[in-house]
C-alpha atoms as a PDB file:
ATOM      1  CA  UNK A   1       0.000   0.000   0.000  1.00  0.00           C
ATOM      2  CA  UNK A   2       1.264   3.398  -0.984  1.00  0.00           C
ATOM      3  CA  UNK A   3       5.052   2.854  -0.851  1.00  0.00           C
ATOM      4  CA  UNK A   4       5.044  -0.660   0.676  1.00  0.00           C
ATOM      5  CA  UNK A   5       4.401  -4.156  -0.633  1.00  0.00           C
ATOM      6  CA  UNK A   6       2.675  -7.147   0.989  1.00  0.00           C
ATOM      7  CA  UNK A   7       0.935  -5.090   3.685  1.00  0.00           C
ATOM      8  CA  UNK A   8      -1.699  -6.796   5.842  1.00  0.00           C
ATOM      9  CA  UNK A   9      -4.801  -4.620   5.428  1.00  0.00           C
ATOM     10  CA  UNK A  10      -7.160  -6.738   7.522  1.00  0.00           C
ATOM     11  CA  UNK A  11      -7.455  -4.174  10.358  1.00  0.00           C
ATOM     12  CA  UNK A  12      -8.106  -1.367   7.893  1.00  0.00           C
ATOM     13  CA  UNK A  13     -10.682  -3.393   5.958  1.00  0.00           C
ATOM     14  CA  UNK A  14     -12.404  -4.347   9.221  1.00  0.00           C
ATOM     15  CA  UNK A  15     -12.515  -0.672  10.283  1.00  0.00           C
ATOM     16  CA  UNK A  16     -14.062   0.340   6.942  1.00  0.00           C
ATOM     17  CA  UNK A  17     -16.560  -2.533   7.104  1.00  0.00           C
ATOM     18  CA  UNK A  18     -17.601  -1.638  10.669  1.00  0.00           C
ATOM     19  CA  UNK A  19     -17.847   2.063   9.823  1.00  0.00           C
ATOM     20  CA  UNK A  20     -20.178   1.292   6.908  1.00  0.00           C
ATOM     21  CA  UNK A  21     -22.390  -0.727   9.228  1.00  0.00           C
ATOM     22  CA  UNK A  22     -22.263   2.042  11.829  1.00  0.00           C
ATOM     23  CA  UNK A  23     -23.477   4.525   9.224  1.00  0.00           C
ATOM     24  CA  UNK A  24     -26.567   2.345   8.802  1.00  0.00           C
ATOM     25  CA  UNK A  25     -27.083   1.939  12.550  1.00  0.00           C
ATOM     26  CA  UNK A  26     -25.595  -1.537  12.923  1.00  0.00           C
ATOM     27  CA  UNK A  27     -23.068  -1.781  15.753  1.00  0.00           C
ATOM     28  CA  UNK A  28     -21.274  -4.797  17.172  1.00  0.00           C
ATOM     29  CA  UNK A  29     -20.650  -5.134  20.907  1.00  0.00           C
ATOM     30  CA  UNK A  30     -17.385  -7.007  20.421  1.00  0.00           C
ATOM     31  CA  UNK A  31     -15.743  -4.370  18.188  1.00  0.00           C
ATOM     32  CA  UNK A  32     -13.679  -1.461  19.513  1.00  0.00           C
ATOM     33  CA  UNK A  33     -14.911   1.539  17.505  1.00  0.00           C
ATOM     34  CA  UNK A  34     -11.860   3.500  18.625  1.00  0.00           C
ATOM     35  CA  UNK A  35     -10.097   1.541  15.875  1.00  0.00           C
ATOM     36  CA  UNK A  36     -12.287   3.301  13.293  1.00  0.00           C
ATOM     37  CA  UNK A  37     -11.155   6.714  14.522  1.00  0.00           C
ATOM     38  CA  UNK A  38      -7.509   5.617  14.603  1.00  0.00           C
ATOM     39  CA  UNK A  39      -7.436   4.097  11.128  1.00  0.00           C
ATOM     40  CA  UNK A  40      -9.883   6.154   9.076  1.00  0.00           C
ATOM     41  CA  UNK A  41      -9.097   9.792   8.416  1.00  0.00           C
ATOM     42  CA  UNK A  42     -11.979  12.244   8.370  1.00  0.00           C
ATOM     43  CA  UNK A  43     -11.950  12.709   4.580  1.00  0.00           C
ATOM     44  CA  UNK A  44     -12.263   8.939   4.079  1.00  0.00           C
ATOM     45  CA  UNK A  45     -15.180   8.715   6.514  1.00  0.00           C
ATOM     46  CA  UNK A  46     -16.948  11.559   4.702  1.00  0.00           C
ATOM     47  CA  UNK A  47     -16.406   9.795   1.381  1.00  0.00           C
ATOM     48  CA  UNK A  48     -17.675   6.437   2.691  1.00  0.00           C
ATOM     49  CA  UNK A  49     -20.762   7.973   4.277  1.00  0.00           C
ATOM     50  CA  UNK A  50     -21.575   9.935   1.126  1.00  0.00           C
ATOM     51  CA  UNK A  51     -21.183   6.886  -1.131  1.00  0.00           C
ATOM     52  CA  UNK A  52     -23.279   4.750   1.225  1.00  0.00           C
ATOM     53  CA  UNK A  53     -26.057   7.237   1.977  1.00  0.00           C
ATOM     54  CA  UNK A  54     -26.070   9.850  -0.767  1.00  0.00           C
ATOM     55  CA  UNK A  55     -24.286   8.380  -3.823  1.00  0.00           C
ATOM     56  CA  UNK A  56     -25.643  11.103  -6.080  1.00  0.00           C
ATOM     57  CA  UNK A  57     -23.690  13.686  -4.043  1.00  0.00           C
ATOM     58  CA  UNK A  58     -20.338  11.913  -4.420  1.00  0.00           C
ATOM     59  CA  UNK A  59     -17.728  14.045  -6.202  1.00  0.00           C
ATOM     60  CA  UNK A  60     -14.359  13.391  -7.751  1.00  0.00           C
ATOM     61  CA  UNK A  61     -12.875  15.923  -5.340  1.00  0.00           C
ATOM     62  CA  UNK A  62     -14.055  13.830  -2.379  1.00  0.00           C
ATOM     63  CA  UNK A  63     -12.397  10.759  -3.900  1.00  0.00           C
ATOM     64  CA  UNK A  64      -9.132  12.580  -4.565  1.00  0.00           C
ATOM     65  CA  UNK A  65      -8.976  14.058  -1.037  1.00  0.00           C
ATOM     66  CA  UNK A  66      -8.417  10.826   0.882  1.00  0.00           C
ATOM     67  CA  UNK A  67      -5.287   8.645   0.761  1.00  0.00           C
ATOM     68  CA  UNK A  68      -3.442  10.939  -1.619  1.00  0.00           C
ATOM     69  CA  UNK A  69      -0.298   8.750  -1.706  1.00  0.00           C
ATOM     70  CA  UNK A  70      -2.192   5.589  -2.616  1.00  0.00           C
ATOM     71  CA  UNK A  71      -2.696   4.225  -6.085  1.00  0.00           C
ATOM     72  CA  UNK A  72      -6.178   4.329  -7.578  1.00  0.00           C
ATOM     73  CA  UNK A  73      -6.345   0.523  -7.565  1.00  0.00           C
ATOM     74  CA  UNK A  74      -5.590   0.385  -3.822  1.00  0.00           C
ATOM     75  CA  UNK A  75      -8.279   2.909  -2.984  1.00  0.00           C
ATOM     76  CA  UNK A  76     -10.882   1.105  -5.047  1.00  0.00           C
ATOM     77  CA  UNK A  77      -9.958  -2.346  -3.757  1.00  0.00           C
ATOM     78  CA  UNK A  78     -10.079  -1.378  -0.081  1.00  0.00           C
ATOM     79  CA  UNK A  79     -13.052   0.964  -0.027  1.00  0.00           C
ATOM     80  CA  UNK A  80     -15.361  -0.640  -2.537  1.00  0.00           C
ATOM     81  CA  UNK A  81     -14.337  -4.135  -1.539  1.00  0.00           C
ATOM     82  CA  UNK A  82     -15.785  -3.280   1.868  1.00  0.00           C
ATOM     83  CA  UNK A  83     -19.122  -2.490   0.224  1.00  0.00           C
ATOM     84  CA  UNK A  84     -19.278  -5.997  -1.253  1.00  0.00           C
ATOM     85  CA  UNK A  85     -22.796  -7.307  -1.572  1.00  0.00           C
ATOM     86  CA  UNK A  86     -21.500 -10.860  -1.343  1.00  0.00           C
ATOM     87  CA  UNK A  87     -21.394 -10.749   2.459  1.00  0.00           C
ATOM     88  CA  UNK A  88     -24.451 -11.685   4.556  1.00  0.00           C
ATOM     89  CA  UNK A  89     -24.036  -8.496   6.599  1.00  0.00           C
ATOM     90  CA  UNK A  90     -24.632  -6.365   3.494  1.00  0.00           C
ATOM     91  CA  UNK A  91     -28.043  -7.948   3.177  1.00  0.00           C
ATOM     92  CA  UNK A  92     -28.622  -7.067   6.852  1.00  0.00           C
ATOM     93  CA  UNK A  93     -27.635  -3.481   6.050  1.00  0.00           C
ATOM     94  CA  UNK A  94     -30.084  -3.390   3.137  1.00  0.00           C
ATOM     95  CA  UNK A  95     -32.905  -4.365   5.507  1.00  0.00           C
ATOM     96  CA  UNK A  96     -32.166  -1.352   7.707  1.00  0.00           C
ATOM     97  CA  UNK A  97     -32.583   0.930   4.698  1.00  0.00           C
ATOM     98  CA  UNK A  98     -31.062   4.367   4.373  1.00  0.00           C
ATOM     99  CA  UNK A  99     -31.226   5.246   8.029  1.00  0.00           C
ATOM    100  CA  UNK A 100     -27.738   6.852   8.125  1.00  0.00           C
ATOM    101  CA  UNK A 101     -26.179   7.686  11.455  1.00  0.00           C
ATOM    102  CA  UNK A 102     -22.563   7.997  12.717  1.00  0.00           C
END
């Protein structure tokens, strides 16, 4: 990632995944949400919330503002991979609807 190779991104992916669920009002008792604030910069959280709740308001500027040193492919893989509709929890999120919080 960015300037490094073979980086374990599991903590970062988990933080993104949990933040997306938090936006829709789903919270897990066994997850430390302090990790979200440590790993996700404000501009990334704004981008994720906008894409999840108000996709029509997403701008290129928002996309460019987070993780400036990362390659496009890394940004897409990490952020949009967390939105994957292949996971059972995404279906749970769909049931909640667009009740955005966080």
